[in-house]
Amino acid sequence: MNSSELNIFNSMPFLFWVKNEEGTYIWGNKVINDLAGENVVGRKDKDLVWAANAESLRADDEKVWESGKPEFTHELVDHSGEGKATLNVCKFIGDFEGQRCVFGISFIIPGPVS
C-alpha cells in the first residue's frame, strides 16, 4: 500500500493510521488527526495529547509485532479532541510503501467512559 491508496480513509468516519516499528506514525487519516488536534505523522503517542496513555498504546502495538496476528482491543485515551475516549481497535501487520508496519483501525465508543 502507499499513501495515495489510503486517501479513501480520509472520508470515512473512523480512525485509521500506520506506524513503523519504532512506533512513529507514518500515515494518519483526518479523524485521528482531529482526535489528536494536530497531524500525527512523524510523531509517537508520547508526543501527542494522549501521552499519558502512550505506554499502554505501545504495548498493544508490541503484541501485534510479536504475534504477527491481528489484535482486537479497547484502548483508552485520557486526552483528545473528544476529551476522554474509549476506542474499539483492530491492529494488524501490513506493508506500507515497502515497509512492514502496524496498521490500526478504530472507532470511538459512544457514551460514558468506564
PDB file of N, CA and C in Angstrom:
ATOM      1  N   MET A   1       0.831  -1.178   0.000  1.00  0.00           N
ATOM      2  CA  MET A   1       0.000   0.000   0.000  1.00  0.00           C
ATOM      3  C   MET A   1       0.872   1.237   0.000  1.00  0.00           C
ATOM      4  N   ASN A   2       0.316   2.305  -0.529  1.00  0.00           N
ATOM      5  CA  ASN A   2       1.009   3.589  -0.447  1.00  0.00           C
ATOM      6  C   ASN A   2       0.014   4.655   0.005  1.00  0.00           C
ATOM      7  N   SER A   3       0.532   5.845   0.265  1.00  0.00           N
ATOM      8  CA  SER A   3      -0.313   6.899   0.837  1.00  0.00           C
ATOM      9  C   SER A   3      -1.477   7.286  -0.061  1.00  0.00           C
ATOM     10  N   SER A   4      -1.306   7.275  -1.374  1.00  0.00           N
ATOM     11  CA  SER A   4      -2.430   7.658  -2.243  1.00  0.00           C
ATOM     12  C   SER A   4      -3.548   6.620  -2.184  1.00  0.00           C
ATOM     13  N   GLU A   5      -3.203   5.347  -1.961  1.00  0.00           N
ATOM     14  CA  GLU A   5      -4.224   4.307  -1.830  1.00  0.00           C
ATOM     15  C   GLU A   5      -5.005   4.442  -0.522  1.00  0.00           C
ATOM     16  N   LEU A   6      -4.427   5.100   0.462  1.00  0.00           N
ATOM     17  CA  LEU A   6      -5.090   5.255   1.753  1.00  0.00           C
ATOM     18  C   LEU A   6      -5.994   6.481   1.825  1.00  0.00           C
ATOM     19  N   ASN A   7      -5.960   7.357   0.842  1.00  0.00           N
ATOM     20  CA  ASN A   7      -6.753   8.589   0.888  1.00  0.00           C
ATOM     21  C   ASN A   7      -8.243   8.342   1.055  1.00  0.00           C
ATOM     22  N   ILE A   8      -8.745   7.187   0.617  1.00  0.00           N
ATOM     23  CA  ILE A   8     -10.161   6.858   0.799  1.00  0.00           C
ATOM     24  C   ILE A   8     -10.539   6.899   2.285  1.00  0.00           C
ATOM     25  N   PHE A   9      -9.573   6.593   3.170  1.00  0.00           N
ATOM     26  CA  PHE A   9      -9.850   6.569   4.598  1.00  0.00           C
ATOM     27  C   PHE A   9     -10.058   7.962   5.179  1.00  0.00           C
ATOM     28  N   ASN A  10      -9.711   9.010   4.450  1.00  0.00           N
ATOM     29  CA  ASN A  10      -9.964  10.375   4.923  1.00  0.00           C
ATOM     30  C   ASN A  10     -11.443  10.732   4.901  1.00  0.00           C
ATOM     31  N   SER A  11     -12.237  10.012   4.109  1.00  0.00           N
ATOM     32  CA  SER A  11     -13.662  10.327   4.017  1.00  0.00           C
ATOM     33  C   SER A  11     -14.525   9.385   4.856  1.00  0.00           C
ATOM     34  N   MET A  12     -13.897   8.505   5.607  1.00  0.00           N
ATOM     35  CA  MET A  12     -14.647   7.545   6.419  1.00  0.00           C
ATOM     36  C   MET A  12     -14.681   7.990   7.877  1.00  0.00           C
ATOM     37  N   PRO A  13     -15.737   7.638   8.604  1.00  0.00           N
ATOM     38  CA  PRO A  13     -15.936   8.156   9.965  1.00  0.00           C
ATOM     39  C   PRO A  13     -15.252   7.338  11.063  1.00  0.00           C
ATOM     40  N   PHE A  14     -14.042   6.839  10.803  1.00  0.00           N
ATOM     41  CA  PHE A  14     -13.299   6.137  11.835  1.00  0.00           C
ATOM     42  C   PHE A  14     -11.828   6.486  11.721  1.00  0.00           C
ATOM     43  N   LEU A  15     -11.081   6.156  12.756  1.00  0.00           N
ATOM     44  CA  LEU A  15      -9.647   6.446  12.778  1.00  0.00           C
ATOM     45  C   LEU A  15      -8.911   5.366  11.998  1.00  0.00           C
ATOM     46  N   PHE A  16      -7.915   5.777  11.241  1.00  0.00           N
ATOM     47  CA  PHE A  16      -7.059   4.829  10.530  1.00  0.00           C
ATOM     48  C   PHE A  16      -5.654   5.390  10.546  1.00  0.00           C
ATOM     49  N   TRP A  17      -4.681   4.544  10.903  1.00  0.00           N
ATOM     50  CA  TRP A  17      -3.303   5.010  10.995  1.00  0.00           C
ATOM     51  C   TRP A  17      -2.334   3.901  10.660  1.00  0.00           C
ATOM     52  N   VAL A  18      -1.085   4.310  10.391  1.00  0.00           N
ATOM     53  CA  VAL A  18       0.009   3.391  10.104  1.00  0.00           C
ATOM     54  C   VAL A  18       1.201   3.844  10.942  1.00  0.00           C
ATOM     55  N   LYS A  19       1.828   2.880  11.650  1.00  0.00           N
ATOM     56  CA  LYS A  19       3.018   3.171  12.456  1.00  0.00           C
ATOM     57  C   LYS A  19       4.157   2.252  12.019  1.00  0.00           C
ATOM     58  N   ASN A  20       5.378   2.791  12.074  1.00  0.00           N
ATOM     59  CA  ASN A  20       6.541   1.953  11.789  1.00  0.00           C
ATOM     60  C   ASN A  20       6.950   1.186  13.044  1.00  0.00           C
ATOM     61  N   GLU A  21       8.024   0.384  12.951  1.00  0.00           N
ATOM     62  CA  GLU A  21       8.442  -0.452  14.084  1.00  0.00           C
ATOM     63  C   GLU A  21       8.870   0.360  15.296  1.00  0.00           C
ATOM     64  N   GLU A  22       9.278   1.595  15.094  1.00  0.00           N
ATOM     65  CA  GLU A  22       9.674   2.461  16.208  1.00  0.00           C
ATOM     66  C   GLU A  22       8.466   3.115  16.888  1.00  0.00           C
ATOM     67  N   GLY A  23       7.277   2.907  16.336  1.00  0.00           N
ATOM     68  CA  GLY A  23       6.076   3.489  16.916  1.00  0.00           C
ATOM     69  C   GLY A  23       5.758   4.885  16.408  1.00  0.00           C
ATOM     70  N   THR A  24       6.422   5.306  15.345  1.00  0.00           N
ATOM     71  CA  THR A  24       6.172   6.616  14.744  1.00  0.00           C
ATOM     72  C   THR A  24       5.054   6.504  13.719  1.00  0.00           C
ATOM     73  N   TYR A  25       4.097   7.409  13.805  1.00  0.00           N
ATOM     74  CA  TYR A  25       3.023   7.448  12.811  1.00  0.00           C
ATOM     75  C   TYR A  25       3.610   7.868  11.472  1.00  0.00           C
ATOM     76  N   ILE A  26       3.349   7.068  10.448  1.00  0.00           N
ATOM     77  CA  ILE A  26       3.805   7.440   9.111  1.00  0.00           C
ATOM     78  C   ILE A  26       2.630   7.762   8.192  1.00  0.00           C
ATOM     79  N   TRP A  27       1.423   7.545   8.690  1.00  0.00           N
ATOM     80  CA  TRP A  27       0.214   7.979   7.985  1.00  0.00           C
ATOM     81  C   TRP A  27      -0.922   8.008   8.992  1.00  0.00           C
ATOM     82  N   GLY A  28      -1.790   8.976   8.858  1.00  0.00           N
ATOM     83  CA  GLY A  28      -2.980   9.056   9.696  1.00  0.00           C
ATOM     84  C   GLY A  28      -4.080   9.774   8.936  1.00  0.00           C
ATOM     85  N   ASN A  29      -5.306   9.290   9.086  1.00  0.00           N
ATOM     86  CA  ASN A  29      -6.403   9.937   8.376  1.00  0.00           C
ATOM     87  C   ASN A  29      -6.895  11.177   9.136  1.00  0.00           C
ATOM     88  N   LYS A  30      -7.835  11.857   8.535  1.00  0.00           N
ATOM     89  CA  LYS A  30      -8.362  13.103   9.099  1.00  0.00           C
ATOM     90  C   LYS A  30      -8.924  12.892  10.504  1.00  0.00           C
ATOM     91  N   VAL A  31      -9.607  11.782  10.750  1.00  0.00           N
ATOM     92  CA  VAL A  31     -10.259  11.563  12.038  1.00  0.00           C
ATOM     93  C   VAL A  31      -9.230  11.426  13.163  1.00  0.00           C
ATOM     94  N   ILE A  32      -8.139  10.689  12.943  1.00  0.00           N
ATOM     95  CA  ILE A  32      -7.136  10.577  14.008  1.00  0.00           C
ATOM     96  C   ILE A  32      -6.421  11.907  14.207  1.00  0.00           C
ATOM     97  N   ASN A  33      -6.203  12.650  13.125  1.00  0.00           N
ATOM     98  CA  ASN A  33      -5.588  13.969  13.259  1.00  0.00           C
ATOM     99  C   ASN A  33      -6.507  14.919  14.027  1.00  0.00           C
ATOM    100  N   ASP A  34      -7.808  14.838  13.772  1.00  0.00           N
ATOM    101  CA  ASP A  34      -8.769  15.661  14.520  1.00  0.00           C
ATOM    102  C   ASP A  34      -8.790  15.270  15.999  1.00  0.00           C
ATOM    103  N   LEU A  35      -8.748  13.953  16.282  1.00  0.00           N
ATOM    104  CA  LEU A  35      -8.746  13.488  17.661  1.00  0.00           C
ATOM    105  C   LEU A  35      -7.494  13.979  18.389  1.00  0.00           C
ATOM    106  N   ALA A  36      -6.358  13.984  17.687  1.00  0.00           N
ATOM    107  CA  ALA A  36      -5.097  14.448  18.281  1.00  0.00           C
ATOM    108  C   ALA A  36      -5.023  15.968  18.358  1.00  0.00           C
ATOM    109  N   GLY A  37      -5.811  16.642  17.531  1.00  0.00           N
ATOM    110  CA  GLY A  37      -5.740  18.103  17.478  1.00  0.00           C
ATOM    111  C   GLY A  37      -4.558  18.590  16.666  1.00  0.00           C
ATOM    112  N   GLU A  38      -3.907  17.675  15.936  1.00  0.00           N
ATOM    113  CA  GLU A  38      -2.764  18.010  15.089  1.00  0.00           C
ATOM    114  C   GLU A  38      -2.479  16.835  14.165  1.00  0.00           C
ATOM    115  N   ASN A  39      -1.584  17.040  13.221  1.00  0.00           N
ATOM    116  CA  ASN A  39      -1.163  15.968  12.320  1.00  0.00           C
ATOM    117  C   ASN A  39      -0.277  15.005  13.095  1.00  0.00           C
ATOM    118  N   VAL A  40      -0.614  13.711  13.086  1.00  0.00           N
ATOM    119  CA  VAL A  40       0.140  12.721  13.845  1.00  0.00           C
ATOM    120  C   VAL A  40       1.401  12.245  13.134  1.00  0.00           C
ATOM    121  N   VAL A  41       1.507  12.460  11.833  1.00  0.00           N
ATOM    122  CA  VAL A  41       2.636  11.947  11.056  1.00  0.00           C
ATOM    123  C   VAL A  41       3.954  12.499  11.599  1.00  0.00           C
ATOM    124  N   GLY A  42       4.904  11.577  11.789  1.00  0.00           N
ATOM    125  CA  GLY A  42       6.209  11.947  12.312  1.00  0.00           C
ATOM    126  C   GLY A  42       6.269  11.988  13.830  1.00  0.00           C
ATOM    127  N   ARG A  43       5.170  11.687  14.480  1.00  0.00           N
ATOM    128  CA  ARG A  43       5.084  11.761  15.947  1.00  0.00           C
ATOM    129  C   ARG A  43       4.868  10.361  16.510  1.00  0.00           C
ATOM    130  N   LYS A  44       5.134  10.218  17.789  1.00  0.00           N
ATOM    131  CA  LYS A  44       4.831   8.993  18.533  1.00  0.00           C
ATOM    132  C   LYS A  44       3.722   9.323  19.520  1.00  0.00           C
ATOM    133  N   ASP A  45       3.075   8.302  20.067  1.00  0.00           N
ATOM    134  CA  ASP A  45       1.994   8.532  21.022  1.00  0.00           C
ATOM    135  C   ASP A  45       2.457   9.399  22.184  1.00  0.00           C
ATOM    136  N   LYS A  46       3.701   9.226  22.632  1.00  0.00           N
ATOM    137  CA  LYS A  46       4.222  10.013  23.758  1.00  0.00           C
ATOM    138  C   LYS A  46       4.347  11.496  23.427  1.00  0.00           C
ATOM    139  N   ASP A  47       4.291  11.850  22.135  1.00  0.00           N
ATOM    140  CA  ASP A  47       4.404  13.240  21.698  1.00  0.00           C
ATOM    141  C   ASP A  47       3.047  13.903  21.485  1.00  0.00           C
ATOM    142  N   LEU A  48       1.983  13.143  21.647  1.00  0.00           N
ATOM    143  CA  LEU A  48       0.643  13.631  21.324  1.00  0.00           C
ATOM    144  C   LEU A  48      -0.157  13.899  22.592  1.00  0.00           C
ATOM    145  N   VAL A  49      -1.322  14.452  22.429  1.00  0.00           N
ATOM    146  CA  VAL A  49      -2.167  14.862  23.545  1.00  0.00           C
ATOM    147  C   VAL A  49      -2.496  13.694  24.485  1.00  0.00           C
ATOM    148  N   TRP A  50      -2.477  12.466  23.974  1.00  0.00           N
ATOM    149  CA  TRP A  50      -2.749  11.295  24.801  1.00  0.00           C
ATOM    150  C   TRP A  50      -1.463  10.650  25.328  1.00  0.00           C
ATOM    151  N   ALA A  51      -0.432  11.447  25.564  1.00  0.00           N
ATOM    152  CA  ALA A  51       0.862  10.951  26.042  1.00  0.00           C
ATOM    153  C   ALA A  51       0.738  10.108  27.314  1.00  0.00           C
ATOM    154  N   ALA A  52      -0.213  10.432  28.188  1.00  0.00           N
ATOM    155  CA  ALA A  52      -0.391   9.671  29.430  1.00  0.00           C
ATOM    156  C   ALA A  52      -0.732   8.206  29.152  1.00  0.00           C
ATOM    157  N   ASN A  53      -1.257   7.921  27.970  1.00  0.00           N
ATOM    158  CA  ASN A  53      -1.643   6.557  27.601  1.00  0.00           C
ATOM    159  C   ASN A  53      -0.653   5.902  26.649  1.00  0.00           C
ATOM    160  N   ALA A  54       0.453   6.571  26.363  1.00  0.00           N
ATOM    161  CA  ALA A  54       1.400   6.095  25.348  1.00  0.00           C
ATOM    162  C   ALA A  54       1.945   4.709  25.651  1.00  0.00           C
ATOM    163  N   GLU A  55       2.246   4.440  26.897  1.00  0.00           N
ATOM    164  CA  GLU A  55       2.830   3.146  27.257  1.00  0.00           C
ATOM    165  C   GLU A  55       1.879   1.993  26.950  1.00  0.00           C
ATOM    166  N   SER A  56       0.608   2.143  27.291  1.00  0.00           N
ATOM    167  CA  SER A  56      -0.345   1.063  27.025  1.00  0.00           C
ATOM    168  C   SER A  56      -0.647   0.940  25.525  1.00  0.00           C
ATOM    169  N   LEU A  57      -0.676   2.051  24.814  1.00  0.00           N
ATOM    170  CA  LEU A  57      -0.893   2.003  23.368  1.00  0.00           C
ATOM    171  C   LEU A  57       0.268   1.281  22.686  1.00  0.00           C
ATOM    172  N   ARG A  58       1.479   1.583  23.123  1.00  0.00           N
ATOM    173  CA  ARG A  58       2.671   0.941  22.561  1.00  0.00           C
ATOM    174  C   ARG A  58       2.683  -0.554  22.893  1.00  0.00           C
ATOM    175  N   ALA A  59       2.242  -0.921  24.097  1.00  0.00           N
ATOM    176  CA  ALA A  59       2.187  -2.338  24.481  1.00  0.00           C
ATOM    177  C   ALA A  59       1.251  -3.106  23.551  1.00  0.00           C
ATOM    178  N   ASP A  60       0.132  -2.492  23.179  1.00  0.00           N
ATOM    179  CA  ASP A  60      -0.788  -3.140  22.238  1.00  0.00           C
ATOM    180  C   ASP A  60      -0.134  -3.301  20.866  1.00  0.00           C
ATOM    181  N   ASP A  61       0.637  -2.303  20.441  1.00  0.00           N
ATOM    182  CA  ASP A  61       1.379  -2.415  19.175  1.00  0.00           C
ATOM    183  C   ASP A  61       2.358  -3.589  19.240  1.00  0.00           C
ATOM    184  N   GLU A  62       3.059  -3.698  20.362  1.00  0.00           N
ATOM    185  CA  GLU A  62       4.069  -4.747  20.526  1.00  0.00           C
ATOM    186  C   GLU A  62       3.454  -6.143  20.443  1.00  0.00           C
ATOM    187  N   LYS A  63       2.248  -6.315  20.943  1.00  0.00           N
ATOM    188  CA  LYS A  63       1.565  -7.611  20.841  1.00  0.00           C
ATOM    189  C   LYS A  63       1.408  -8.019  19.384  1.00  0.00           C
ATOM    190  N   VAL A  64       1.065  -7.038  18.556  1.00  0.00           N
ATOM    191  CA  VAL A  64       0.879  -7.316  17.127  1.00  0.00           C
ATOM    192  C   VAL A  64       2.217  -7.653  16.474  1.00  0.00           C
ATOM    193  N   TRP A  65       3.250  -6.878  16.798  1.00  0.00           N
ATOM    194  CA  TRP A  65       4.584  -7.156  16.241  1.00  0.00           C
ATOM    195  C   TRP A  65       5.042  -8.558  16.624  1.00  0.00           C
ATOM    196  N   GLU A  66       4.833  -8.946  17.883  1.00  0.00           N
ATOM    197  CA  GLU A  66       5.307 -10.242  18.374  1.00  0.00           C
ATOM    198  C   GLU A  66       4.535 -11.419  17.778  1.00  0.00           C
ATOM    199  N   SER A  67       3.224 -11.279  17.694  1.00  0.00           N
ATOM    200  CA  SER A  67       2.405 -12.405  17.217  1.00  0.00           C
ATOM    201  C   SER A  67       2.272 -12.438  15.699  1.00  0.00           C
ATOM    202  N   GLY A  68       2.329 -11.267  15.072  1.00  0.00           N
ATOM    203  CA  GLY A  68       2.090 -11.195  13.632  1.00  0.00           C
ATOM    204  C   GLY A  68       0.629 -11.356  13.273  1.00  0.00           C
ATOM    205  N   LYS A  69      -0.223 -11.449  14.297  1.00  0.00           N
ATOM    206  CA  LYS A  69      -1.653 -11.653  14.077  1.00  0.00           C
ATOM    207  C   LYS A  69      -2.426 -10.398  14.479  1.00  0.00           C
ATOM    208  N   PRO A  70      -3.592 -10.196  13.879  1.00  0.00           N
ATOM    209  CA  PRO A  70      -4.413  -9.049  14.265  1.00  0.00           C
ATOM    210  C   PRO A  70      -4.783  -9.112  15.748  1.00  0.00           C
ATOM    211  N   GLU A  71      -4.843  -7.957  16.371  1.00  0.00           N
ATOM    212  CA  GLU A  71      -5.263  -7.814  17.757  1.00  0.00           C
ATOM    213  C   GLU A  71      -6.513  -6.944  17.788  1.00  0.00           C
ATOM    214  N   PHE A  72      -7.496  -7.370  18.563  1.00  0.00           N
ATOM    215  CA  PHE A  72      -8.728  -6.615  18.754  1.00  0.00           C
ATOM    216  C   PHE A  72      -8.796  -6.230  20.220  1.00  0.00           C
ATOM    217  N   THR A  73      -8.965  -4.948  20.496  1.00  0.00           N
ATOM    218  CA  THR A  73      -8.924  -4.491  21.872  1.00  0.00           C
ATOM    219  C   THR A  73      -9.695  -3.189  22.037  1.00  0.00           C
ATOM    220  N   HIS A  74      -9.851  -2.776  23.279  1.00  0.00           N
ATOM    221  CA  HIS A  74     -10.341  -1.436  23.597  1.00  0.00           C
ATOM    222  C   HIS A  74      -9.158  -0.661  24.133  1.00  0.00           C
ATOM    223  N   GLU A  75      -9.004   0.568  23.698  1.00  0.00           N
ATOM    224  CA  GLU A  75      -7.946   1.432  24.196  1.00  0.00           C
ATOM    225  C   GLU A  75      -8.574   2.712  24.721  1.00  0.00           C
ATOM    226  N   LEU A  76      -8.013   3.211  25.804  1.00  0.00           N
ATOM    227  CA  LEU A  76      -8.492   4.441  26.414  1.00  0.00           C
ATOM    228  C   LEU A  76      -7.474   5.542  26.157  1.00  0.00           C
ATOM    229  N   VAL A  77      -7.962   6.689  25.706  1.00  0.00           N
ATOM    230  CA  VAL A  77      -7.118   7.880  25.629  1.00  0.00           C
ATOM    231  C   VAL A  77      -7.743   8.924  26.544  1.00  0.00           C
ATOM    232  N   ASP A  78      -6.930   9.392  27.499  1.00  0.00           N
ATOM    233  CA  ASP A  78      -7.433  10.330  28.505  1.00  0.00           C
ATOM    234  C   ASP A  78      -7.661  11.725  27.959  1.00  0.00           C
ATOM    235  N   HIS A  79      -6.862  12.114  26.999  1.00  0.00           N
ATOM    236  CA  HIS A  79      -6.959  13.466  26.451  1.00  0.00           C
ATOM    237  C   HIS A  79      -6.984  13.356  24.935  1.00  0.00           C
ATOM    238  N   SER A  80      -7.926  14.042  24.340  1.00  0.00           N
ATOM    239  CA  SER A  80      -8.039  14.046  22.883  1.00  0.00           C
ATOM    240  C   SER A  80      -8.962  15.192  22.509  1.00  0.00           C
ATOM    241  N   GLY A  81      -9.199  15.347  21.227  1.00  0.00           N
ATOM    242  CA  GLY A  81     -10.164  16.336  20.774  1.00  0.00           C
ATOM    243  C   GLY A  81     -11.563  16.028  21.280  1.00  0.00           C
ATOM    244  N   GLU A  82     -11.781  14.790  21.750  1.00  0.00           N
ATOM    245  CA  GLU A  82     -13.067  14.352  22.280  1.00  0.00           C
ATOM    246  C   GLU A  82     -13.063  14.296  23.815  1.00  0.00           C
ATOM    247  N   GLY A  83     -11.995  14.765  24.458  1.00  0.00           N
ATOM    248  CA  GLY A  83     -11.845  14.562  25.896  1.00  0.00           C
ATOM    249  C   GLY A  83     -11.400  13.132  26.116  1.00  0.00           C
ATOM    250  N   LYS A  84     -11.961  12.455  27.126  1.00  0.00           N
ATOM    251  CA  LYS A  84     -11.670  11.031  27.304  1.00  0.00           C
ATOM    252  C   LYS A  84     -12.421  10.255  26.234  1.00  0.00           C
ATOM    253  N   ALA A  85     -11.754   9.252  25.687  1.00  0.00           N
ATOM    254  CA  ALA A  85     -12.386   8.460  24.640  1.00  0.00           C
ATOM    255  C   ALA A  85     -11.976   7.002  24.778  1.00  0.00           C
ATOM    256  N   THR A  86     -12.950   6.101  24.638  1.00  0.00           N
ATOM    257  CA  THR A  86     -12.669   4.675  24.566  1.00  0.00           C
ATOM    258  C   THR A  86     -12.785   4.277  23.109  1.00  0.00           C
ATOM    259  N   LEU A  87     -11.762   3.593  22.629  1.00  0.00           N
ATOM    260  CA  LEU A  87     -11.695   3.211  21.224  1.00  0.00           C
ATOM    261  C   LEU A  87     -11.813   1.706  21.071  1.00  0.00           C
ATOM    262  N   ASN A  88     -12.594   1.254  20.112  1.00  0.00           N
ATOM    263  CA  ASN A  88     -12.643  -0.144  19.712  1.00  0.00           C
ATOM    264  C   ASN A  88     -11.628  -0.272  18.582  1.00  0.00           C
ATOM    265  N   VAL A  89     -10.579  -1.082  18.771  1.00  0.00           N
ATOM    266  CA  VAL A  89      -9.412  -1.050  17.896  1.00  0.00           C
ATOM    267  C   VAL A  89      -9.097  -2.417  17.307  1.00  0.00           C
ATOM    268  N   CYS A  90      -8.692  -2.433  16.050  1.00  0.00           N
ATOM    269  CA  CYS A  90      -8.068  -3.588  15.417  1.00  0.00           C
ATOM    270  C   CYS A  90      -6.713  -3.117  14.893  1.00  0.00           C
ATOM    271  N   LYS A  91      -5.655  -3.829  15.282  1.00  0.00           N
ATOM    272  CA  LYS A  91      -4.309  -3.542  14.781  1.00  0.00           C
ATOM    273  C   LYS A  91      -3.800  -4.776  14.061  1.00  0.00           C
ATOM    274  N   PHE A  92      -3.074  -4.569  12.957  1.00  0.00           N
ATOM    275  CA  PHE A  92      -2.583  -5.688  12.162  1.00  0.00           C
ATOM    276  C   PHE A  92      -1.323  -5.273  11.407  1.00  0.00           C
ATOM    277  N   ILE A  93      -0.540  -6.260  11.012  1.00  0.00           N
ATOM    278  CA  ILE A  93       0.692  -6.024  10.263  1.00  0.00           C
ATOM    279  C   ILE A  93       0.359  -5.920   8.779  1.00  0.00           C
ATOM    280  N   GLY A  94       0.994  -4.977   8.098  1.00  0.00           N
ATOM    281  CA  GLY A  94       0.822  -4.833   6.660  1.00  0.00           C
ATOM    282  C   GLY A  94       2.038  -4.162   6.051  1.00  0.00           C
ATOM    283  N   ASP A  95       1.999  -4.017   4.749  1.00  0.00           N
ATOM    284  CA  ASP A  95       3.082  -3.386   4.008  1.00  0.00           C
ATOM    285  C   ASP A  95       2.658  -1.975   3.621  1.00  0.00           C
ATOM    286  N   PHE A  96       3.492  -1.005   3.925  1.00  0.00           N
ATOM    287  CA  PHE A  96       3.239   0.385   3.554  1.00  0.00           C
ATOM    288  C   PHE A  96       4.480   0.921   2.852  1.00  0.00           C
ATOM    289  N   GLU A  97       4.341   1.172   1.562  1.00  0.00           N
ATOM    290  CA  GLU A  97       5.428   1.707   0.746  1.00  0.00           C
ATOM    291  C   GLU A  97       6.713   0.897   0.928  1.00  0.00           C
ATOM    292  N   GLY A  98       6.557  -0.449   0.921  1.00  0.00           N
ATOM    293  CA  GLY A  98       7.693  -1.349   1.007  1.00  0.00           C
ATOM    294  C   GLY A  98       8.227  -1.576   2.409  1.00  0.00           C
ATOM    295  N   GLN A  99       7.541  -1.061   3.417  1.00  0.00           N
ATOM    296  CA  GLN A  99       7.988  -1.174   4.802  1.00  0.00           C
ATOM    297  C   GLN A  99       6.945  -1.936   5.608  1.00  0.00           C
ATOM    298  N   ARG A 100       7.376  -2.873   6.428  1.00  0.00           N
ATOM    299  CA  ARG A 100       6.472  -3.612   7.311  1.00  0.00           C
ATOM    300  C   ARG A 100       6.026  -2.671   8.436  1.00  0.00           C
ATOM    301  N   CYS A 101       4.718  -2.566   8.636  1.00  0.00           N
ATOM    302  CA  CYS A 101       4.158  -1.603   9.582  1.00  0.00           C
ATOM    303  C   CYS A 101       2.982  -2.200  10.342  1.00  0.00           C
ATOM    304  N   VAL A 102       2.595  -1.514  11.414  1.00  0.00           N
ATOM    305  CA  VAL A 102       1.342  -1.829  12.107  1.00  0.00           C
ATOM    306  C   VAL A 102       0.287  -0.847  11.600  1.00  0.00           C
ATOM    307  N   PHE A 103      -0.803  -1.390  11.122  1.00  0.00           N
ATOM    308  CA  PHE A 103      -1.959  -0.604  10.713  1.00  0.00           C
ATOM    309  C   PHE A 103      -2.963  -0.656  11.850  1.00  0.00           C
ATOM    310  N   GLY A 104      -3.694   0.429  12.037  1.00  0.00           N
ATOM    311  CA  GLY A 104      -4.741   0.452  13.045  1.00  0.00           C
ATOM    312  C   GLY A 104      -6.000   1.056  12.479  1.00  0.00           C
ATOM    313  N   ILE A 105      -7.115   0.467  12.881  1.00  0.00           N
ATOM    314  CA  ILE A 105      -8.417   0.997  12.504  1.00  0.00           C
ATOM    315  C   ILE A 105      -9.272   0.986  13.769  1.00  0.00           C
ATOM    316  N   SER A 106     -10.017   2.049  13.972  1.00  0.00           N
ATOM    317  CA  SER A 106     -10.707   2.195  15.237  1.00  0.00           C
ATOM    318  C   SER A 106     -11.899   3.120  15.102  1.00  0.00           C
ATOM    319  N   PHE A 107     -12.818   2.993  16.061  1.00  0.00           N
ATOM    320  CA  PHE A 107     -13.870   3.979  16.186  1.00  0.00           C
ATOM    321  C   PHE A 107     -14.079   4.279  17.662  1.00  0.00           C
ATOM    322  N   ILE A 108     -14.602   5.464  17.941  1.00  0.00           N
ATOM    323  CA  ILE A 108     -14.864   5.885  19.310  1.00  0.00           C
ATOM    324  C   ILE A 108     -16.164   5.234  19.763  1.00  0.00           C
ATOM    325  N   ILE A 109     -16.109   4.587  20.937  1.00  0.00           N
ATOM    326  CA  ILE A 109     -17.307   4.002  21.514  1.00  0.00           C
ATOM    327  C   ILE A 109     -18.084   5.107  22.193  1.00  0.00           C
ATOM    328  N   PRO A 110     -19.305   5.401  21.727  1.00  0.00           N
ATOM    329  CA  PRO A 110     -20.071   6.486  22.325  1.00  0.00           C
ATOM    330  C   PRO A 110     -20.511   6.146  23.741  1.00  0.00           C
ATOM    331  N   GLY A 111     -20.718   7.194  24.504  1.00  0.00           N
ATOM    332  CA  GLY A 111     -21.229   7.014  25.855  1.00  0.00           C
ATOM    333  C   GLY A 111     -20.186   7.302  26.903  1.00  0.00           C
ATOM    334  N   PRO A 112     -20.555   7.091  28.155  1.00  0.00           N
ATOM    335  CA  PRO A 112     -19.624   7.382  29.246  1.00  0.00           C
ATOM    336  C   PRO A 112     -18.394   6.483  29.174  1.00  0.00           C
ATOM    337  N   VAL A 113     -17.265   7.053  29.544  1.00  0.00           N
ATOM    338  CA  VAL A 113     -16.021   6.292  29.581  1.00  0.00           C
ATOM    339  C   VAL A 113     -15.968   5.560  30.903  1.00  0.00           C
ATOM    340  N   SER A 114     -15.637   4.279  30.831  1.00  0.00           N
ATOM    341  CA  SER A 114     -15.566   3.481  32.071  1.00  0.00           C
ATOM    342  C   SER A 114     -14.165   3.433  32.614  1.00  0.00           C
TER     343      SER A 114
END
